[in-house]
Amino acid sequence: MTAADYPNPPQPSASGFRWRRLVLWLVGYVAVAAVATYWLWSARQNVVAELSGEAALQQWQQFNDEMAEQQRQGSPVTRKRSPSEEPPSLVLLRDYFGGILLSVLVIVGFLYAFVAFLVEGLLRSKS
C-alpha cells in the first residue's frame, strides 16, 4: 500500500509536541524555583551568621539606645525604640523563613507562568 491508497494520510500528532513543551516548561520552573530557594537559603545563612554574634547585637542595642535618646531630645523625626532585643532582619530570616520562602516561590511561579504564557503565545502565532 502506498500513501495514495489512504484517503487521509495520518498527520503527526500536535498533542505530543505540546506535552513535550509543557514538560520542558515544568522542568524549567523546577530549575528556577531551585535556584531561588538556594539563593534565599544562602542569604539566610549569611544574615543569621552575621547578625547572631555579640558584636551585631551590641550594635543593635547601641542603635536602639541612640534612637531613644534622640526621641527624648525632641528630634524632628519621630522614631520609637524597637521592642526587640535582636535586629529585625535576624528575627525575620530566622523565625519566619518558611513564609518568606513560600512567598518567593509563589511570586516566582506567577512571573514564570506569565513569561511562559507570552512565549507560548508568540510560538503559536508563528506556526
N, C-alpha and C. Protein backbone atom coordinates (compact mmCIF):
# COMPACT_ATOMS: atom_id res chain seq x y z
N MET A 1 0.84 -1.18 0.00
CA MET A 1 0.00 0.00 0.00
C MET A 1 0.88 1.24 0.00
N THR A 2 0.47 2.19 -0.76
CA THR A 2 1.20 3.45 -0.84
C THR A 2 0.40 4.53 -0.16
N ALA A 3 0.98 5.70 -0.05
CA ALA A 3 0.31 6.83 0.59
C ALA A 3 -0.91 7.25 -0.21
N ALA A 4 -0.90 7.00 -1.50
CA ALA A 4 -2.04 7.37 -2.34
C ALA A 4 -3.24 6.48 -2.04
N ASP A 5 -3.04 5.30 -1.46
CA ASP A 5 -4.14 4.40 -1.14
C ASP A 5 -4.95 4.89 0.06
N TYR A 6 -4.38 5.74 0.89
CA TYR A 6 -5.10 6.27 2.05
C TYR A 6 -5.80 7.56 1.67
N PRO A 7 -7.08 7.69 1.96
CA PRO A 7 -7.77 8.95 1.62
C PRO A 7 -7.25 10.12 2.46
N ASN A 8 -6.99 9.88 3.71
CA ASN A 8 -6.44 10.91 4.61
C ASN A 8 -5.20 10.34 5.28
N PRO A 9 -4.02 10.67 4.79
CA PRO A 9 -2.82 10.12 5.41
C PRO A 9 -2.69 10.62 6.85
N PRO A 10 -2.17 9.79 7.75
CA PRO A 10 -2.05 10.23 9.15
C PRO A 10 -1.07 11.39 9.28
N GLN A 11 -1.46 12.34 10.10
CA GLN A 11 -0.64 13.52 10.36
C GLN A 11 0.10 13.35 11.69
N PRO A 12 1.26 13.95 11.82
CA PRO A 12 1.95 13.88 13.12
C PRO A 12 1.10 14.53 14.20
N SER A 13 1.11 13.96 15.35
CA SER A 13 0.29 14.44 16.45
C SER A 13 0.87 15.72 17.04
N ALA A 14 0.05 16.75 17.10
CA ALA A 14 0.47 18.01 17.70
C ALA A 14 0.40 17.93 19.22
N SER A 15 -0.46 17.06 19.73
CA SER A 15 -0.60 16.99 21.19
C SER A 15 0.67 16.44 21.84
N GLY A 16 1.37 15.54 21.19
CA GLY A 16 2.62 15.03 21.72
C GLY A 16 3.67 16.12 21.83
N PHE A 17 3.71 17.01 20.84
CA PHE A 17 4.64 18.13 20.86
C PHE A 17 4.29 19.09 21.98
N ARG A 18 2.99 19.33 22.19
CA ARG A 18 2.56 20.22 23.26
C ARG A 18 2.91 19.65 24.62
N TRP A 19 2.77 18.35 24.79
CA TRP A 19 3.12 17.71 26.07
C TRP A 19 4.61 17.85 26.34
N ARG A 20 5.42 17.70 25.29
CA ARG A 20 6.86 17.86 25.48
C ARG A 20 7.21 19.28 25.89
N ARG A 21 6.54 20.26 25.27
CA ARG A 21 6.80 21.65 25.64
C ARG A 21 6.33 21.92 27.07
N LEU A 22 5.20 21.34 27.45
CA LEU A 22 4.71 21.52 28.82
C LEU A 22 5.70 20.93 29.82
N VAL A 23 6.22 19.75 29.52
CA VAL A 23 7.21 19.13 30.40
C VAL A 23 8.46 20.01 30.48
N LEU A 24 8.88 20.59 29.36
CA LEU A 24 10.05 21.47 29.37
C LEU A 24 9.79 22.71 30.23
N TRP A 25 8.59 23.27 30.12
CA TRP A 25 8.24 24.42 30.94
C TRP A 25 8.25 24.06 32.43
N LEU A 26 7.73 22.89 32.76
CA LEU A 26 7.71 22.46 34.16
C LEU A 26 9.11 22.20 34.68
N VAL A 27 9.96 21.59 33.88
CA VAL A 27 11.35 21.37 34.28
C VAL A 27 12.05 22.72 34.46
N GLY A 28 11.76 23.65 33.59
CA GLY A 28 12.33 25.00 33.72
C GLY A 28 11.88 25.67 35.01
N TYR A 29 10.60 25.52 35.35
CA TYR A 29 10.12 26.12 36.61
C TYR A 29 10.79 25.48 37.81
N VAL A 30 10.94 24.18 37.79
CA VAL A 30 11.60 23.50 38.91
C VAL A 30 13.03 24.01 39.05
N ALA A 31 13.71 24.21 37.94
CA ALA A 31 15.08 24.73 37.98
C ALA A 31 15.11 26.15 38.54
N VAL A 32 14.19 27.00 38.09
CA VAL A 32 14.14 28.38 38.58
C VAL A 32 13.79 28.40 40.07
N ALA A 33 12.85 27.57 40.49
CA ALA A 33 12.46 27.50 41.90
C ALA A 33 13.63 26.99 42.75
N ALA A 34 14.38 26.04 42.22
CA ALA A 34 15.53 25.52 42.97
C ALA A 34 16.60 26.59 43.13
N VAL A 35 16.84 27.36 42.08
CA VAL A 35 17.83 28.44 42.17
C VAL A 35 17.37 29.51 43.16
N ALA A 36 16.08 29.88 43.11
CA ALA A 36 15.55 30.88 44.04
C ALA A 36 15.64 30.38 45.49
N THR A 37 15.34 29.10 45.71
CA THR A 37 15.41 28.53 47.05
C THR A 37 16.85 28.52 47.54
N TYR A 38 17.76 28.10 46.69
CA TYR A 38 19.17 28.07 47.07
C TYR A 38 19.67 29.47 47.39
N TRP A 39 19.34 30.44 46.57
CA TRP A 39 19.77 31.82 46.79
C TRP A 39 19.22 32.35 48.11
N LEU A 40 17.95 32.12 48.37
CA LEU A 40 17.34 32.61 49.61
C LEU A 40 17.93 31.89 50.82
N TRP A 41 18.16 30.59 50.71
CA TRP A 41 18.76 29.84 51.81
C TRP A 41 20.18 30.35 52.10
N SER A 42 20.95 30.62 51.06
CA SER A 42 22.31 31.14 51.24
C SER A 42 22.29 32.51 51.90
N ALA A 43 21.38 33.36 51.45
CA ALA A 43 21.26 34.69 52.04
C ALA A 43 20.87 34.58 53.51
N ARG A 44 19.98 33.66 53.82
CA ARG A 44 19.55 33.45 55.20
C ARG A 44 20.73 33.01 56.06
N GLN A 45 21.50 32.06 55.56
CA GLN A 45 22.64 31.56 56.32
C GLN A 45 23.63 32.69 56.60
N ASN A 46 23.90 33.52 55.61
CA ASN A 46 24.84 34.64 55.79
C ASN A 46 24.33 35.65 56.80
N VAL A 47 23.06 36.02 56.70
CA VAL A 47 22.49 37.02 57.61
C VAL A 47 22.43 36.49 59.03
N VAL A 48 21.99 35.27 59.21
CA VAL A 48 21.90 34.70 60.56
C VAL A 48 23.30 34.59 61.17
N ALA A 49 24.28 34.15 60.39
CA ALA A 49 25.64 34.03 60.92
C ALA A 49 26.21 35.41 61.28
N GLU A 50 25.93 36.40 60.46
CA GLU A 50 26.47 37.73 60.69
C GLU A 50 25.80 38.44 61.86
N LEU A 51 24.49 38.31 61.98
CA LEU A 51 23.76 39.08 62.99
C LEU A 51 23.55 38.34 64.31
N SER A 52 23.98 37.10 64.40
CA SER A 52 23.83 36.36 65.66
C SER A 52 24.97 36.61 66.63
N GLY A 53 26.03 37.22 66.17
CA GLY A 53 27.20 37.45 67.02
C GLY A 53 26.96 38.55 68.05
N GLU A 54 27.83 38.56 69.05
CA GLU A 54 27.72 39.56 70.13
C GLU A 54 27.92 40.98 69.60
N ALA A 55 28.84 41.16 68.66
CA ALA A 55 29.11 42.50 68.14
C ALA A 55 27.88 43.07 67.45
N ALA A 56 27.19 42.25 66.66
CA ALA A 56 25.99 42.72 65.96
C ALA A 56 24.88 43.05 66.95
N LEU A 57 24.74 42.24 67.98
CA LEU A 57 23.70 42.51 68.99
C LEU A 57 24.02 43.79 69.76
N GLN A 58 25.30 44.03 70.04
CA GLN A 58 25.68 45.26 70.73
C GLN A 58 25.44 46.47 69.83
N GLN A 59 25.73 46.35 68.54
CA GLN A 59 25.46 47.46 67.61
C GLN A 59 23.97 47.76 67.56
N TRP A 60 23.15 46.72 67.56
CA TRP A 60 21.70 46.92 67.53
C TRP A 60 21.24 47.63 68.79
N GLN A 61 21.74 47.20 69.94
CA GLN A 61 21.37 47.85 71.20
C GLN A 61 21.82 49.31 71.22
N GLN A 62 23.01 49.56 70.71
CA GLN A 62 23.51 50.93 70.66
C GLN A 62 22.62 51.79 69.75
N PHE A 63 22.27 51.26 68.59
CA PHE A 63 21.39 51.99 67.67
C PHE A 63 20.05 52.26 68.34
N ASN A 64 19.51 51.27 69.01
CA ASN A 64 18.21 51.42 69.68
C ASN A 64 18.30 52.49 70.77
N ASP A 65 19.37 52.48 71.54
CA ASP A 65 19.55 53.47 72.60
C ASP A 65 19.69 54.87 72.01
N GLU A 66 20.42 55.01 70.89
CA GLU A 66 20.56 56.31 70.24
C GLU A 66 19.21 56.82 69.74
N MET A 67 18.40 55.95 69.21
CA MET A 67 17.06 56.37 68.74
C MET A 67 16.21 56.85 69.91
N ALA A 68 16.28 56.14 71.03
CA ALA A 68 15.52 56.55 72.22
C ALA A 68 16.02 57.90 72.74
N GLU A 69 17.34 58.11 72.72
CA GLU A 69 17.92 59.38 73.18
C GLU A 69 17.51 60.53 72.27
N GLN A 70 17.54 60.32 70.96
CA GLN A 70 17.11 61.35 70.02
C GLN A 70 15.64 61.70 70.23
N GLN A 71 14.84 60.73 70.55
CA GLN A 71 13.42 60.97 70.78
C GLN A 71 13.22 61.83 72.03
N ARG A 72 14.02 61.57 73.04
CA ARG A 72 13.91 62.35 74.28
C ARG A 72 14.36 63.79 74.06
N GLN A 73 15.30 64.01 73.15
CA GLN A 73 15.83 65.35 72.89
C GLN A 73 14.93 66.16 71.97
N GLY A 74 13.87 65.57 71.49
CA GLY A 74 12.94 66.30 70.63
C GLY A 74 13.40 66.35 69.18
N SER A 75 13.78 65.25 68.63
CA SER A 75 14.20 65.15 67.25
C SER A 75 13.04 65.48 66.32
N PRO A 76 13.29 66.12 65.16
CA PRO A 76 12.20 66.43 64.23
C PRO A 76 11.55 65.18 63.61
N VAL A 77 12.29 64.08 63.63
CA VAL A 77 11.76 62.83 63.08
C VAL A 77 11.33 61.95 64.24
N THR A 78 10.08 61.50 64.21
CA THR A 78 9.57 60.66 65.29
C THR A 78 9.96 59.21 65.05
N ARG A 79 10.71 58.66 65.99
CA ARG A 79 11.10 57.25 65.92
C ARG A 79 10.87 56.64 67.28
N LYS A 80 10.33 55.44 67.26
CA LYS A 80 10.13 54.73 68.52
C LYS A 80 11.24 53.72 68.70
N ARG A 81 11.52 53.45 69.96
CA ARG A 81 12.51 52.42 70.29
C ARG A 81 11.90 51.07 69.95
N SER A 82 12.68 50.24 69.30
CA SER A 82 12.19 48.91 68.93
C SER A 82 12.07 48.04 70.18
N PRO A 83 10.98 47.30 70.31
CA PRO A 83 10.84 46.43 71.48
C PRO A 83 11.71 45.18 71.40
N SER A 84 12.24 44.89 70.22
CA SER A 84 13.03 43.68 70.02
C SER A 84 14.45 43.86 70.54
N GLU A 85 14.98 42.83 71.13
CA GLU A 85 16.36 42.84 71.60
C GLU A 85 17.32 42.37 70.50
N GLU A 86 16.77 41.97 69.37
CA GLU A 86 17.58 41.48 68.25
C GLU A 86 17.24 42.28 67.00
N PRO A 87 18.18 42.36 66.05
CA PRO A 87 17.90 43.09 64.80
C PRO A 87 16.71 42.47 64.05
N PRO A 88 15.86 43.31 63.45
CA PRO A 88 14.67 42.81 62.76
C PRO A 88 14.98 41.83 61.63
N SER A 89 16.06 42.05 60.89
CA SER A 89 16.37 41.13 59.78
C SER A 89 16.75 39.76 60.32
N LEU A 90 17.38 39.70 61.48
CA LEU A 90 17.71 38.42 62.08
C LEU A 90 16.44 37.67 62.48
N VAL A 91 15.54 38.37 63.13
CA VAL A 91 14.27 37.75 63.56
C VAL A 91 13.47 37.30 62.34
N LEU A 92 13.42 38.15 61.32
CA LEU A 92 12.65 37.82 60.12
C LEU A 92 13.17 36.57 59.43
N LEU A 93 14.47 36.53 59.17
CA LEU A 93 15.02 35.39 58.44
C LEU A 93 15.19 34.14 59.29
N ARG A 94 15.28 34.28 60.58
CA ARG A 94 15.43 33.12 61.44
C ARG A 94 14.08 32.50 61.79
N ASP A 95 13.11 33.35 62.14
CA ASP A 95 11.83 32.84 62.66
C ASP A 95 10.74 32.70 61.61
N TYR A 96 10.82 33.45 60.52
CA TYR A 96 9.75 33.45 59.53
C TYR A 96 10.23 33.04 58.14
N PHE A 97 11.28 32.23 58.09
CA PHE A 97 11.86 31.86 56.80
C PHE A 97 10.89 31.06 55.94
N GLY A 98 10.09 30.20 56.53
CA GLY A 98 9.14 29.40 55.76
C GLY A 98 8.15 30.27 55.00
N GLY A 99 7.63 31.28 55.65
CA GLY A 99 6.69 32.20 54.99
C GLY A 99 7.34 33.00 53.89
N ILE A 100 8.58 33.42 54.13
CA ILE A 100 9.31 34.17 53.11
C ILE A 100 9.57 33.28 51.89
N LEU A 101 10.00 32.06 52.14
CA LEU A 101 10.28 31.13 51.04
C LEU A 101 9.02 30.84 50.24
N LEU A 102 7.92 30.60 50.92
CA LEU A 102 6.65 30.34 50.22
C LEU A 102 6.25 31.55 49.38
N SER A 103 6.38 32.74 49.94
CA SER A 103 6.04 33.96 49.19
C SER A 103 6.91 34.11 47.95
N VAL A 104 8.21 33.88 48.10
CA VAL A 104 9.12 34.00 46.95
C VAL A 104 8.75 32.99 45.88
N LEU A 105 8.47 31.75 46.28
CA LEU A 105 8.13 30.72 45.29
C LEU A 105 6.81 31.02 44.59
N VAL A 106 5.84 31.57 45.30
CA VAL A 106 4.56 31.93 44.66
C VAL A 106 4.77 33.07 43.66
N ILE A 107 5.53 34.09 44.06
CA ILE A 107 5.77 35.22 43.16
C ILE A 107 6.57 34.77 41.93
N VAL A 108 7.62 33.97 42.15
CA VAL A 108 8.41 33.45 41.04
C VAL A 108 7.53 32.59 40.13
N GLY A 109 6.64 31.81 40.72
CA GLY A 109 5.74 30.97 39.93
C GLY A 109 4.82 31.79 39.04
N PHE A 110 4.25 32.86 39.60
CA PHE A 110 3.39 33.72 38.78
C PHE A 110 4.17 34.40 37.66
N LEU A 111 5.35 34.89 37.97
CA LEU A 111 6.17 35.53 36.93
C LEU A 111 6.58 34.53 35.85
N TYR A 112 6.96 33.34 36.28
CA TYR A 112 7.36 32.30 35.32
C TYR A 112 6.17 31.91 34.43
N ALA A 113 5.00 31.75 35.03
CA ALA A 113 3.81 31.39 34.25
C ALA A 113 3.46 32.50 33.26
N PHE A 114 3.63 33.75 33.66
CA PHE A 114 3.34 34.86 32.76
C PHE A 114 4.30 34.85 31.57
N VAL A 115 5.58 34.67 31.84
CA VAL A 115 6.56 34.62 30.75
C VAL A 115 6.29 33.42 29.85
N ALA A 116 5.97 32.27 30.44
CA ALA A 116 5.66 31.08 29.65
C ALA A 116 4.44 31.33 28.77
N PHE A 117 3.44 32.00 29.32
CA PHE A 117 2.23 32.34 28.56
C PHE A 117 2.58 33.22 27.36
N LEU A 118 3.42 34.23 27.59
CA LEU A 118 3.81 35.12 26.49
C LEU A 118 4.61 34.38 25.42
N VAL A 119 5.56 33.58 25.84
CA VAL A 119 6.39 32.86 24.88
C VAL A 119 5.55 31.85 24.10
N GLU A 120 4.68 31.13 24.78
CA GLU A 120 3.80 30.18 24.08
C GLU A 120 2.91 30.91 23.07
N GLY A 121 2.41 32.07 23.44
CA GLY A 121 1.60 32.85 22.50
C GLY A 121 2.38 33.25 21.27
N LEU A 122 3.63 33.65 21.48
CA LEU A 122 4.47 34.02 20.35
C LEU A 122 4.77 32.81 19.46
N LEU A 123 5.07 31.68 20.09
CA LEU A 123 5.39 30.48 19.32
C LEU A 123 4.17 29.98 18.53
N ARG A 124 3.01 30.05 19.12
CA ARG A 124 1.80 29.57 18.44
C ARG A 124 1.34 30.52 17.34
N SER A 125 1.60 31.80 17.51
CA SER A 125 1.18 32.75 16.48
C SER A 125 2.05 32.62 15.23
N LYS A 126 3.28 32.15 15.38
CA LYS A 126 4.16 32.00 14.23
C LYS A 126 3.92 30.72 13.46
N SER A 127 3.29 29.73 14.11
CA SER A 127 3.09 28.47 13.41
C SER A 127 1.71 28.37 12.80
